[in-house]
Amino acid sequence: MRARRRRPLLAPASRVLLARALTVLGALALALLVPSGSAQAERERGAERAEEAADELRVAAHQFALAAPGTGWRAVAQLRADAQLRADAQLRADAQDARDEADADGAALGPDARLLLGFVHEGWDATLAVSRVEVANFRAWRRKAAFFDEVEAGVEAAYPGYRRTQREQQRLGRVPALDLAYRERGGQRRLLRLRFLFFRRYTLALALRMPARTHARHERRLQALVDSFAPFFGER
């Protein structure tokens, strides 16, 4: 009897889309992992204080809330972290296969960063990915403006073909957050939406890329998706 071939998790076109998202996250990881001298010194001074303050945050091993069928988003990884994301989509996840796909696409997330969640939407030509970067964020918690400027500079250095259209600093609960939006100059006119959650000892970064036409047609739903990416402090 002829052996049945295993169907790959992603079609070639989907792999290309996921590779784009991983490229975004690789650049973000490098931007966050290369500190200035003053930042490095501040990390060392703050390490002991961070240990004492760790209990101030409720650490919930919470699986992302993925709810409601319907729109074509397809999960290729699954996240457990101190955050939540609500997608109005029918999702399918296989963490092991997702790691294999990431390796095959040559994703360079850096030694201290890893892909946690990846979506592709073939109909919209859109990608969404979430990464975790192991980096302390004492300056973000102390509201140091230079910290957020450095994060933005890292993104813009990685993507010189994009023009920033939005920046917003806020606190979600007690966690500092930064929202950035970019539009590609010329060509395909792709849009890039980013949200960073700066926990005390690591960062979660969401990257959403899509053509301008997709954003125009589904702006409210896409905004709701980004807004839903927030710290989770529910019951364990």
C-alpha atoms as a PDB file:
ATOM      1  CA  MET A   1       0.000   0.000   0.000  1.00  0.00           C
ATOM      2  CA  ARG A   2       1.369   3.374  -0.982  1.00  0.00           C
ATOM      3  CA  ALA A   3       2.431   5.576   1.929  1.00  0.00           C
ATOM      4  CA  ARG A   4       0.364   8.678   2.349  1.00  0.00           C
ATOM      5  CA  ARG A   5       2.335  11.897   2.131  1.00  0.00           C
ATOM      6  CA  ARG A   6       1.891  14.348   4.944  1.00  0.00           C
ATOM      7  CA  ARG A   7       0.342  17.544   3.750  1.00  0.00           C
ATOM      8  CA  PRO A   8       2.493  20.575   4.634  1.00  0.00           C
ATOM      9  CA  LEU A   9       1.048  22.983   7.152  1.00  0.00           C
ATOM     10  CA  LEU A  10       1.525  25.963   4.849  1.00  0.00           C
ATOM     11  CA  ALA A  11       1.324  26.394   1.109  1.00  0.00           C
ATOM     12  CA  PRO A  12       4.378  28.039  -0.538  1.00  0.00           C
ATOM     13  CA  ALA A  13       2.556  31.363  -0.796  1.00  0.00           C
ATOM     14  CA  SER A  14       1.774  31.264   2.913  1.00  0.00           C
ATOM     15  CA  ARG A  15       5.401  30.558   3.721  1.00  0.00           C
ATOM     16  CA  VAL A  16       6.422  33.702   1.859  1.00  0.00           C
ATOM     17  CA  LEU A  17       3.885  35.729   3.840  1.00  0.00           C
ATOM     18  CA  LEU A  18       5.079  34.290   7.134  1.00  0.00           C
ATOM     19  CA  ALA A  19       8.697  34.961   6.150  1.00  0.00           C
ATOM     20  CA  ARG A  20       7.796  38.636   5.730  1.00  0.00           C
ATOM     21  CA  ALA A  21       6.395  38.763   9.245  1.00  0.00           C
ATOM     22  CA  LEU A  22       9.426  36.994  10.652  1.00  0.00           C
ATOM     23  CA  THR A  23      11.712  39.485   8.905  1.00  0.00           C
ATOM     24  CA  VAL A  24       9.877  42.296  10.666  1.00  0.00           C
ATOM     25  CA  LEU A  25      10.263  40.591  14.026  1.00  0.00           C
ATOM     26  CA  GLY A  26      13.933  39.820  13.440  1.00  0.00           C
ATOM     27  CA  ALA A  27      14.615  43.503  12.920  1.00  0.00           C
ATOM     28  CA  LEU A  28      12.607  44.435  16.001  1.00  0.00           C
ATOM     29  CA  ALA A  29      14.429  41.881  18.112  1.00  0.00           C
ATOM     30  CA  LEU A  30      17.814  43.259  17.088  1.00  0.00           C
ATOM     31  CA  ALA A  31      16.676  46.816  17.802  1.00  0.00           C
ATOM     32  CA  LEU A  32      15.614  45.825  21.310  1.00  0.00           C
ATOM     33  CA  LEU A  33      18.608  43.637  22.081  1.00  0.00           C
ATOM     34  CA  VAL A  34      21.366  46.173  21.336  1.00  0.00           C
ATOM     35  CA  PRO A  35      21.406  48.562  24.301  1.00  0.00           C
ATOM     36  CA  SER A  36      23.322  51.799  24.637  1.00  0.00           C
ATOM     37  CA  GLY A  37      26.040  51.986  27.281  1.00  0.00           C
ATOM     38  CA  SER A  38      23.831  53.912  29.681  1.00  0.00           C
ATOM     39  CA  ALA A  39      21.002  51.430  29.201  1.00  0.00           C
ATOM     40  CA  GLN A  40      23.331  48.527  29.975  1.00  0.00           C
ATOM     41  CA  ALA A  41      24.509  50.194  33.162  1.00  0.00           C
ATOM     42  CA  GLU A  42      20.944  50.921  34.167  1.00  0.00           C
ATOM     43  CA  ARG A  43      20.027  47.287  33.595  1.00  0.00           C
ATOM     44  CA  GLU A  44      22.759  46.152  35.959  1.00  0.00           C
ATOM     45  CA  ARG A  45      21.729  48.649  38.627  1.00  0.00           C
ATOM     46  CA  GLY A  46      18.114  47.663  38.262  1.00  0.00           C
ATOM     47  CA  ALA A  47      18.513  43.885  38.218  1.00  0.00           C
ATOM     48  CA  GLU A  48      18.162  43.479  41.966  1.00  0.00           C
ATOM     49  CA  ARG A  49      15.214  45.883  42.114  1.00  0.00           C
ATOM     50  CA  ALA A  50      13.536  43.938  39.313  1.00  0.00           C
ATOM     51  CA  GLU A  51      13.749  40.722  41.307  1.00  0.00           C
ATOM     52  CA  GLU A  52      12.013  42.416  44.227  1.00  0.00           C
ATOM     53  CA  ALA A  53       9.352  43.979  42.007  1.00  0.00           C
ATOM     54  CA  ALA A  54       8.535  40.829  40.070  1.00  0.00           C
ATOM     55  CA  ASP A  55       5.678  39.933  42.403  1.00  0.00           C
ATOM     56  CA  GLU A  56       3.948  43.212  41.603  1.00  0.00           C
ATOM     57  CA  LEU A  57       2.844  41.752  38.281  1.00  0.00           C
ATOM     58  CA  ARG A  58       0.570  38.743  38.084  1.00  0.00           C
ATOM     59  CA  VAL A  59       2.293  36.266  35.794  1.00  0.00           C
ATOM     60  CA  ALA A  60      -0.405  34.235  34.077  1.00  0.00           C
ATOM     61  CA  ALA A  61       0.499  31.346  31.771  1.00  0.00           C
ATOM     62  CA  HIS A  62      -2.451  32.247  29.603  1.00  0.00           C
ATOM     63  CA  GLN A  63      -3.092  30.765  26.212  1.00  0.00           C
ATOM     64  CA  PHE A  64      -4.114  33.389  23.693  1.00  0.00           C
ATOM     65  CA  ALA A  65      -7.876  33.773  23.444  1.00  0.00           C
ATOM     66  CA  LEU A  66      -8.673  32.851  19.859  1.00  0.00           C
ATOM     67  CA  ALA A  67     -12.378  33.201  19.335  1.00  0.00           C
ATOM     68  CA  ALA A  68     -15.125  32.859  16.711  1.00  0.00           C
ATOM     69  CA  PRO A  69     -14.964  31.313  13.233  1.00  0.00           C
ATOM     70  CA  GLY A  70     -15.132  33.029   9.953  1.00  0.00           C
ATOM     71  CA  THR A  71     -12.583  35.272   8.312  1.00  0.00           C
ATOM     72  CA  GLY A  72      -9.745  33.117   7.054  1.00  0.00           C
ATOM     73  CA  TRP A  73      -6.936  33.853   9.504  1.00  0.00           C
ATOM     74  CA  ARG A  74      -4.835  30.728   9.911  1.00  0.00           C
ATOM     75  CA  ALA A  75      -2.683  30.180  12.976  1.00  0.00           C
ATOM     76  CA  VAL A  76       0.718  28.588  12.437  1.00  0.00           C
ATOM     77  CA  ALA A  77       1.959  28.846  16.010  1.00  0.00           C
ATOM     78  CA  GLN A  78       0.520  29.166  19.470  1.00  0.00           C
ATOM     79  CA  LEU A  79       1.456  31.496  22.281  1.00  0.00           C
ATOM     80  CA  ARG A  80       1.496  31.158  26.038  1.00  0.00           C
ATOM     81  CA  ALA A  81       2.468  34.439  27.666  1.00  0.00           C
ATOM     82  CA  ASP A  82       1.255  37.254  29.902  1.00  0.00           C
ATOM     83  CA  ALA A  83      -0.916  38.778  27.178  1.00  0.00           C
ATOM     84  CA  GLN A  84      -4.056  38.138  25.203  1.00  0.00           C
ATOM     85  CA  LEU A  85      -5.107  38.538  21.580  1.00  0.00           C
ATOM     86  CA  ARG A  86      -8.618  38.135  20.204  1.00  0.00           C
ATOM     87  CA  ALA A  87      -8.981  37.284  16.525  1.00  0.00           C
ATOM     88  CA  ASP A  88     -12.370  36.919  14.853  1.00  0.00           C
ATOM     89  CA  ALA A  89     -11.197  33.912  12.930  1.00  0.00           C
ATOM     90  CA  GLN A  90     -11.151  30.143  12.708  1.00  0.00           C
ATOM     91  CA  LEU A  91      -7.644  29.248  13.766  1.00  0.00           C
ATOM     92  CA  ARG A  92      -5.515  26.133  13.532  1.00  0.00           C
ATOM     93  CA  ALA A  93      -2.310  25.820  15.507  1.00  0.00           C
ATOM     94  CA  ASP A  94       0.602  23.426  15.586  1.00  0.00           C
ATOM     95  CA  ALA A  95       3.543  24.820  17.540  1.00  0.00           C
ATOM     96  CA  GLN A  96       6.059  22.182  16.444  1.00  0.00           C
ATOM     97  CA  ASP A  97       5.244  22.581  12.768  1.00  0.00           C
ATOM     98  CA  ALA A  98       5.395  26.346  13.203  1.00  0.00           C
ATOM     99  CA  ARG A  99       8.949  26.100  14.524  1.00  0.00           C
ATOM    100  CA  ASP A 100       9.876  23.953  11.553  1.00  0.00           C
ATOM    101  CA  GLU A 101       8.408  26.519   9.175  1.00  0.00           C
ATOM    102  CA  ALA A 102      10.308  29.324  10.881  1.00  0.00           C
ATOM    103  CA  ASP A 103      13.573  27.406  10.539  1.00  0.00           C
ATOM    104  CA  ALA A 104      12.884  26.659   6.887  1.00  0.00           C
ATOM    105  CA  ASP A 105      12.281  30.322   6.148  1.00  0.00           C
ATOM    106  CA  GLY A 106      15.602  31.271   7.731  1.00  0.00           C
ATOM    107  CA  ALA A 107      14.039  33.540  10.336  1.00  0.00           C
ATOM    108  CA  ALA A 108      16.738  35.348  12.328  1.00  0.00           C
ATOM    109  CA  LEU A 109      15.071  36.354  15.566  1.00  0.00           C
ATOM    110  CA  GLY A 110      18.311  36.559  17.513  1.00  0.00           C
ATOM    111  CA  PRO A 111      19.565  34.388  20.386  1.00  0.00           C
ATOM    112  CA  ASP A 112      17.197  35.887  22.963  1.00  0.00           C
ATOM    113  CA  ALA A 113      14.066  36.262  20.850  1.00  0.00           C
ATOM    114  CA  ARG A 114      11.573  33.750  19.567  1.00  0.00           C
ATOM    115  CA  LEU A 115       8.451  33.609  17.479  1.00  0.00           C
ATOM    116  CA  LEU A 116       5.413  32.901  19.625  1.00  0.00           C
ATOM    117  CA  LEU A 117       2.523  33.295  17.227  1.00  0.00           C
ATOM    118  CA  GLY A 118       2.128  33.570  13.475  1.00  0.00           C
ATOM    119  CA  PHE A 119      -0.976  34.134  11.339  1.00  0.00           C
ATOM    120  CA  VAL A 120      -1.312  34.319   7.589  1.00  0.00           C
ATOM    121  CA  HIS A 121      -4.379  35.448   5.678  1.00  0.00           C
ATOM    122  CA  GLU A 122      -3.913  34.470   2.059  1.00  0.00           C
ATOM    123  CA  GLY A 123      -7.023  36.256   0.833  1.00  0.00           C
ATOM    124  CA  TRP A 124      -5.886  39.536   2.334  1.00  0.00           C
ATOM    125  CA  ASP A 125      -2.152  38.998   1.636  1.00  0.00           C
ATOM    126  CA  ALA A 126      -1.636  39.839   5.308  1.00  0.00           C
ATOM    127  CA  THR A 127       0.628  38.533   8.050  1.00  0.00           C
ATOM    128  CA  LEU A 128       0.500  38.862  11.816  1.00  0.00           C
ATOM    129  CA  ALA A 129       3.275  37.692  14.099  1.00  0.00           C
ATOM    130  CA  VAL A 130       4.122  38.018  17.787  1.00  0.00           C
ATOM    131  CA  SER A 131       7.599  37.600  19.213  1.00  0.00           C
ATOM    132  CA  ARG A 132       9.073  37.615  22.692  1.00  0.00           C
ATOM    133  CA  VAL A 133      12.397  39.351  23.309  1.00  0.00           C
ATOM    134  CA  GLU A 134      14.267  38.667  26.543  1.00  0.00           C
ATOM    135  CA  VAL A 135      15.314  42.196  27.456  1.00  0.00           C
ATOM    136  CA  ALA A 136      14.774  44.258  30.607  1.00  0.00           C
ATOM    137  CA  ASN A 137      12.675  47.399  30.261  1.00  0.00           C
ATOM    138  CA  PHE A 138      13.470  49.464  33.347  1.00  0.00           C
ATOM    139  CA  ARG A 139      13.642  52.712  31.359  1.00  0.00           C
ATOM    140  CA  ALA A 140      10.197  52.122  29.879  1.00  0.00           C
ATOM    141  CA  TRP A 141       8.754  51.663  33.368  1.00  0.00           C
ATOM    142  CA  ARG A 142      10.473  54.902  34.450  1.00  0.00           C
ATOM    143  CA  ARG A 143       8.902  56.712  31.488  1.00  0.00           C
ATOM    144  CA  LYS A 144      12.234  57.594  29.876  1.00  0.00           C
ATOM    145  CA  ALA A 145      11.385  59.186  26.521  1.00  0.00           C
ATOM    146  CA  ALA A 146      14.738  58.194  25.032  1.00  0.00           C
ATOM    147  CA  PHE A 147      13.866  54.514  25.428  1.00  0.00           C
ATOM    148  CA  PHE A 148      10.834  54.776  23.152  1.00  0.00           C
ATOM    149  CA  ASP A 149      12.798  56.913  20.685  1.00  0.00           C
ATOM    150  CA  GLU A 150      15.425  54.165  20.459  1.00  0.00           C
ATOM    151  CA  VAL A 151      12.810  51.500  19.751  1.00  0.00           C
ATOM    152  CA  GLU A 152      11.329  53.642  16.989  1.00  0.00           C
ATOM    153  CA  ALA A 153      14.777  54.360  15.560  1.00  0.00           C
ATOM    154  CA  GLY A 154      15.507  50.634  15.432  1.00  0.00           C
ATOM    155  CA  VAL A 155      12.345  49.976  13.432  1.00  0.00           C
ATOM    156  CA  GLU A 156      13.033  52.822  11.012  1.00  0.00           C
ATOM    157  CA  ALA A 157      16.634  51.744  10.477  1.00  0.00           C
ATOM    158  CA  ALA A 158      15.440  48.265   9.553  1.00  0.00           C
ATOM    159  CA  TYR A 159      12.759  49.591   7.180  1.00  0.00           C
ATOM    160  CA  PRO A 160      14.018  52.772   5.480  1.00  0.00           C
ATOM    161  CA  GLY A 161      11.351  52.420   2.797  1.00  0.00           C
ATOM    162  CA  TYR A 162       8.563  53.041   5.308  1.00  0.00           C
ATOM    163  CA  ARG A 163       7.255  56.389   6.578  1.00  0.00           C
ATOM    164  CA  ARG A 164       5.820  56.644  10.096  1.00  0.00           C
ATOM    165  CA  THR A 165       2.183  57.731  10.209  1.00  0.00           C
ATOM    166  CA  GLN A 166       1.324  57.160  13.865  1.00  0.00           C
ATOM    167  CA  ARG A 167       2.979  56.885  17.258  1.00  0.00           C
ATOM    168  CA  GLU A 168       1.258  56.498  20.609  1.00  0.00           C
ATOM    169  CA  GLN A 169       2.711  55.787  24.040  1.00  0.00           C
ATOM    170  CA  GLN A 170       0.340  54.508  26.674  1.00  0.00           C
ATOM    171  CA  ARG A 171      -0.032  52.229  29.666  1.00  0.00           C
ATOM    172  CA  LEU A 172      -2.198  49.153  29.438  1.00  0.00           C
ATOM    173  CA  GLY A 173      -2.893  48.428  33.054  1.00  0.00           C
ATOM    174  CA  ARG A 174       0.535  49.131  34.515  1.00  0.00           C
ATOM    175  CA  VAL A 175       2.493  47.911  31.495  1.00  0.00           C
ATOM    176  CA  PRO A 176       4.110  50.510  29.187  1.00  0.00           C
ATOM    177  CA  ALA A 177       3.126  50.097  25.538  1.00  0.00           C
ATOM    178  CA  LEU A 178       4.093  51.697  22.248  1.00  0.00           C
ATOM    179  CA  ASP A 179       2.022  51.702  19.046  1.00  0.00           C
ATOM    180  CA  LEU A 180       3.643  52.531  15.709  1.00  0.00           C
ATOM    181  CA  ALA A 181       2.191  52.624  12.206  1.00  0.00           C
ATOM    182  CA  TYR A 182       4.086  52.914   8.911  1.00  0.00           C
ATOM    183  CA  ARG A 183       3.233  53.215   5.231  1.00  0.00           C
ATOM    184  CA  GLU A 184       5.509  51.940   2.486  1.00  0.00           C
ATOM    185  CA  ARG A 185       6.730  54.584   0.040  1.00  0.00           C
ATOM    186  CA  GLY A 186       5.696  53.784  -3.542  1.00  0.00           C
ATOM    187  CA  GLY A 187       5.489  50.258  -4.892  1.00  0.00           C
ATOM    188  CA  GLN A 188       2.975  47.987  -3.196  1.00  0.00           C
ATOM    189  CA  ARG A 189       1.976  50.543  -0.560  1.00  0.00           C
ATOM    190  CA  ARG A 190       2.013  48.022   2.249  1.00  0.00           C
ATOM    191  CA  LEU A 191       1.178  49.101   5.786  1.00  0.00           C
ATOM    192  CA  LEU A 192       2.973  48.019   8.951  1.00  0.00           C
ATOM    193  CA  ARG A 193       1.284  48.135  12.375  1.00  0.00           C
ATOM    194  CA  LEU A 194       3.299  47.449  15.525  1.00  0.00           C
ATOM    195  CA  ARG A 195       2.482  47.171  19.208  1.00  0.00           C
ATOM    196  CA  PHE A 196       5.116  46.641  21.896  1.00  0.00           C
ATOM    197  CA  LEU A 197       4.257  45.526  25.437  1.00  0.00           C
ATOM    198  CA  PHE A 198       7.202  46.330  27.714  1.00  0.00           C
ATOM    199  CA  PHE A 199       6.982  43.949  30.654  1.00  0.00           C
ATOM    200  CA  ARG A 200       9.673  44.412  33.278  1.00  0.00           C
ATOM    201  CA  ARG A 201      12.007  41.680  32.061  1.00  0.00           C
ATOM    202  CA  TYR A 202      10.888  40.976  28.502  1.00  0.00           C
ATOM    203  CA  THR A 203       9.041  42.515  25.568  1.00  0.00           C
ATOM    204  CA  LEU A 204       6.176  41.172  23.492  1.00  0.00           C
ATOM    205  CA  ALA A 205       6.029  42.662  19.994  1.00  0.00           C
ATOM    206  CA  LEU A 206       3.119  42.361  17.571  1.00  0.00           C
ATOM    207  CA  ALA A 207       3.727  43.062  13.870  1.00  0.00           C
ATOM    208  CA  LEU A 208       0.872  43.253  11.366  1.00  0.00           C
ATOM    209  CA  ARG A 209       1.614  43.825   7.656  1.00  0.00           C
ATOM    210  CA  MET A 210      -0.955  44.183   4.901  1.00  0.00           C
ATOM    211  CA  PRO A 211      -1.585  45.984   1.599  1.00  0.00           C
ATOM    212  CA  ALA A 212      -3.187  49.416   1.860  1.00  0.00           C
ATOM    213  CA  ARG A 213      -6.295  48.068   0.125  1.00  0.00           C
ATOM    214  CA  THR A 214      -6.766  45.458   2.860  1.00  0.00           C
ATOM    215  CA  HIS A 215      -6.467  48.108   5.554  1.00  0.00           C
ATOM    216  CA  ALA A 216      -8.978  50.345   3.776  1.00  0.00           C
ATOM    217  CA  ARG A 217     -11.559  47.557   3.537  1.00  0.00           C
ATOM    218  CA  HIS A 218     -11.133  46.127   7.030  1.00  0.00           C
ATOM    219  CA  GLU A 219      -9.742  49.025   9.069  1.00  0.00           C
ATOM    220  CA  ARG A 220     -12.088  48.654  12.038  1.00  0.00           C
ATOM    221  CA  ARG A 221     -11.513  44.913  12.367  1.00  0.00           C
ATOM    222  CA  LEU A 222      -7.752  45.281  12.055  1.00  0.00           C
ATOM    223  CA  GLN A 223      -7.716  48.077  14.633  1.00  0.00           C
ATOM    224  CA  ALA A 224      -9.740  45.902  16.998  1.00  0.00           C
ATOM    225  CA  LEU A 225      -7.216  43.101  16.514  1.00  0.00           C
ATOM    226  CA  VAL A 226      -4.283  45.361  17.432  1.00  0.00           C
ATOM    227  CA  ASP A 227      -6.183  46.893  20.363  1.00  0.00           C
ATOM    228  CA  SER A 228      -6.958  43.425  21.741  1.00  0.00           C
ATOM    229  CA  PHE A 229      -3.229  42.698  22.126  1.00  0.00           C
ATOM    230  CA  ALA A 230      -2.846  43.610  25.790  1.00  0.00           C
ATOM    231  CA  PRO A 231      -1.476  42.334  29.098  1.00  0.00           C
ATOM    232  CA  PHE A 232      -3.469  39.531  30.684  1.00  0.00           C
ATOM    233  CA  PHE A 233      -3.910  39.674  34.443  1.00  0.00           C
ATOM    234  CA  GLY A 234      -6.776  37.240  34.888  1.00  0.00           C
ATOM    235  CA  GLU A 235      -7.091  34.415  37.349  1.00  0.00           C
ATOM    236  CA  ARG A 236      -4.563  31.613  37.052  1.00  0.00           C
END
